Protein backbone atom coordinates (compact mmCIF):
# COMPACT_ATOMS: atom_id res chain seq x y z
CA MET A 1 9.06 -7.02 11.29
CA ARG A 2 8.23 -4.81 14.59
CA VAL A 3 7.94 -6.66 17.80
CA GLY A 4 7.14 -4.06 20.38
CA PRO A 5 10.03 -1.27 19.95
CA ARG A 6 12.52 -3.52 18.21
CA VAL A 7 12.46 -3.66 14.23
CA ASP A 8 14.52 -6.39 11.95
CA HIS A 9 14.96 -5.97 8.43
CA ALA A 10 15.79 -8.37 5.80
CA ARG A 11 15.86 -8.82 2.43
CA PHE A 12 14.88 -11.66 -0.45
CA ASP A 13 15.20 -11.56 -3.99
CA ALA A 14 11.51 -13.53 -4.43
CA LEU A 15 8.30 -13.02 -3.11
CA ASP A 16 8.06 -16.90 -2.01
CA PRO A 17 10.91 -16.96 0.13
CA ALA A 18 9.57 -13.68 1.95
CA ILE A 19 6.30 -14.72 2.98
CA ASP A 20 8.00 -18.32 3.93
CA ALA A 21 9.94 -16.19 6.50
CA LEU A 22 7.54 -14.20 7.29
CA LYS A 23 4.86 -17.36 7.55
CA THR A 24 7.80 -19.03 10.13
CA ARG A 25 8.61 -15.71 12.56
CA ILE A 26 4.53 -14.89 12.93
CA SER A 27 3.53 -18.36 13.68
CA ALA A 28 6.36 -17.84 16.52
CA LEU A 29 4.93 -14.91 18.00
CA ALA A 30 0.74 -16.02 17.48
CA ASP A 31 1.83 -18.82 20.17
CA ASP A 32 3.15 -16.40 22.42
CA ALA A 33 0.66 -13.75 22.22
CA ALA A 34 -1.46 -14.16 25.80
CA ARG A 35 -1.97 -10.31 26.43
CA LEU A 36 -3.72 -8.72 29.36
CA PRO A 37 -6.23 -5.84 28.59
CA ALA A 38 -4.53 -2.40 28.36
CA GLN A 39 -6.23 0.80 29.73
CA THR A 40 -6.20 4.53 29.67
CA GLN A 41 -7.74 6.76 31.91
CA LEU A 42 -10.51 7.16 28.78
CA LYS A 43 -11.01 3.78 27.56
CA ARG A 44 -10.21 -0.20 27.89
CA TYR A 45 -8.38 -2.22 24.79
CA SER A 46 -8.82 -5.83 24.27
CA PRO A 47 -6.31 -8.07 23.74
CA ALA A 48 -8.00 -8.38 20.03
CA ASP A 49 -7.48 -4.95 19.91
CA GLN A 50 -4.04 -4.58 20.67
CA VAL A 51 -1.27 -5.11 17.90
CA ILE A 52 1.77 -6.62 19.28
CA ALA A 53 3.67 -7.33 16.34
CA ARG A 54 3.37 -6.11 12.86
CA ALA A 55 5.51 -7.55 9.85
CA GLU A 56 5.48 -5.79 6.48
CA LEU A 57 6.57 -6.75 2.85
CA ALA A 58 7.48 -3.87 0.08
CA GLY A 59 8.97 -4.30 -3.07
CA PRO A 60 10.10 -5.32 -5.43
CA GLU A 61 11.89 -1.42 -5.79
CA ARG A 62 14.34 -0.56 -3.28
CA ARG A 63 13.89 2.84 -2.61
CA LEU A 64 10.08 3.86 -2.72
CA ALA A 65 8.32 0.48 -3.13
CA ARG A 66 5.11 0.89 -4.66
CA ARG A 67 3.54 -2.23 -3.01
CA HIS A 68 3.14 -2.90 0.29
CA ALA A 69 1.71 -5.55 2.56
CA GLY A 70 1.75 -7.26 5.87
CA VAL A 71 0.02 -9.35 8.80
CA ASP A 72 -0.81 -7.77 12.42
CA VAL A 73 -0.38 -10.46 15.35
CA ARG A 74 -3.21 -9.35 17.84
CA GLY A 75 -3.01 -9.63 21.41
CA ASP A 76 -5.15 -12.74 21.24
CA GLY A 77 -3.17 -14.56 18.93
CA SER A 78 -5.19 -13.66 15.53
CA SER A 79 -3.76 -12.65 12.56
CA GLU A 80 -4.92 -10.42 10.03
CA PRO A 81 -3.48 -9.61 6.69
CA TYR A 82 -3.60 -6.26 5.25
CA VAL A 83 -2.63 -4.43 2.09
CA GLY A 84 -1.23 -0.73 1.52
CA ARG A 85 1.09 1.48 3.79
CA VAL A 86 -0.29 4.29 5.34
CA ARG A 87 -4.09 3.20 4.51
CA ARG A 88 -3.81 -0.30 5.44
CA LYS A 89 -6.81 -2.31 3.98
CA PRO A 90 -7.48 -5.54 5.54
CA LEU A 91 -7.77 -8.58 3.60
CA GLN A 92 -10.64 -10.82 3.73
CA THR A 93 -9.52 -14.35 4.30
CA PRO A 94 -11.57 -17.25 2.55
CA ALA A 95 -12.82 -20.55 4.58
CA GLY A 96 -9.80 -22.66 4.41
CA GLU A 97 -7.55 -20.67 3.29
CA ASP A 98 -4.80 -19.21 5.71
CA VAL A 99 -3.46 -15.69 6.30
CA PHE A 100 -0.65 -16.05 4.37
CA SER A 101 -1.95 -17.70 1.22
CA SER A 102 -4.57 -14.52 1.00
CA LEU A 103 -1.49 -12.61 1.39
CA ARG A 104 0.19 -14.23 -1.44
CA ARG A 105 -3.43 -13.92 -3.21
CA ALA A 106 -3.45 -10.30 -3.11
CA LEU A 107 0.55 -10.05 -3.88
CA ARG A 108 0.45 -11.90 -7.18
CA VAL A 109 -3.10 -10.23 -8.75
CA LYS A 110 -1.32 -6.93 -8.95
């Protein structure tokens, strides 16, 4: 889990406890996610364009994990699930399904 410059690591034995812990942390962060627009000399970034926290899951291998997925928390409080590490592919979240259910579904398919 990365929040700003701070990174925390946690290890879990199974997928379900890892996603449950991820859900608890992300829910707390999304509630406090109010950001102002950021501006550089060339471009202005809206809160929806800013990633304030990123939580990643990798495994089950201890080194060089083959499966990577996670959730980005945006500056407007929204969350977006993705799969992949370097080339992140956003996951579609169908109506009636939350971010964590779509993440759980994507990781179980592979």
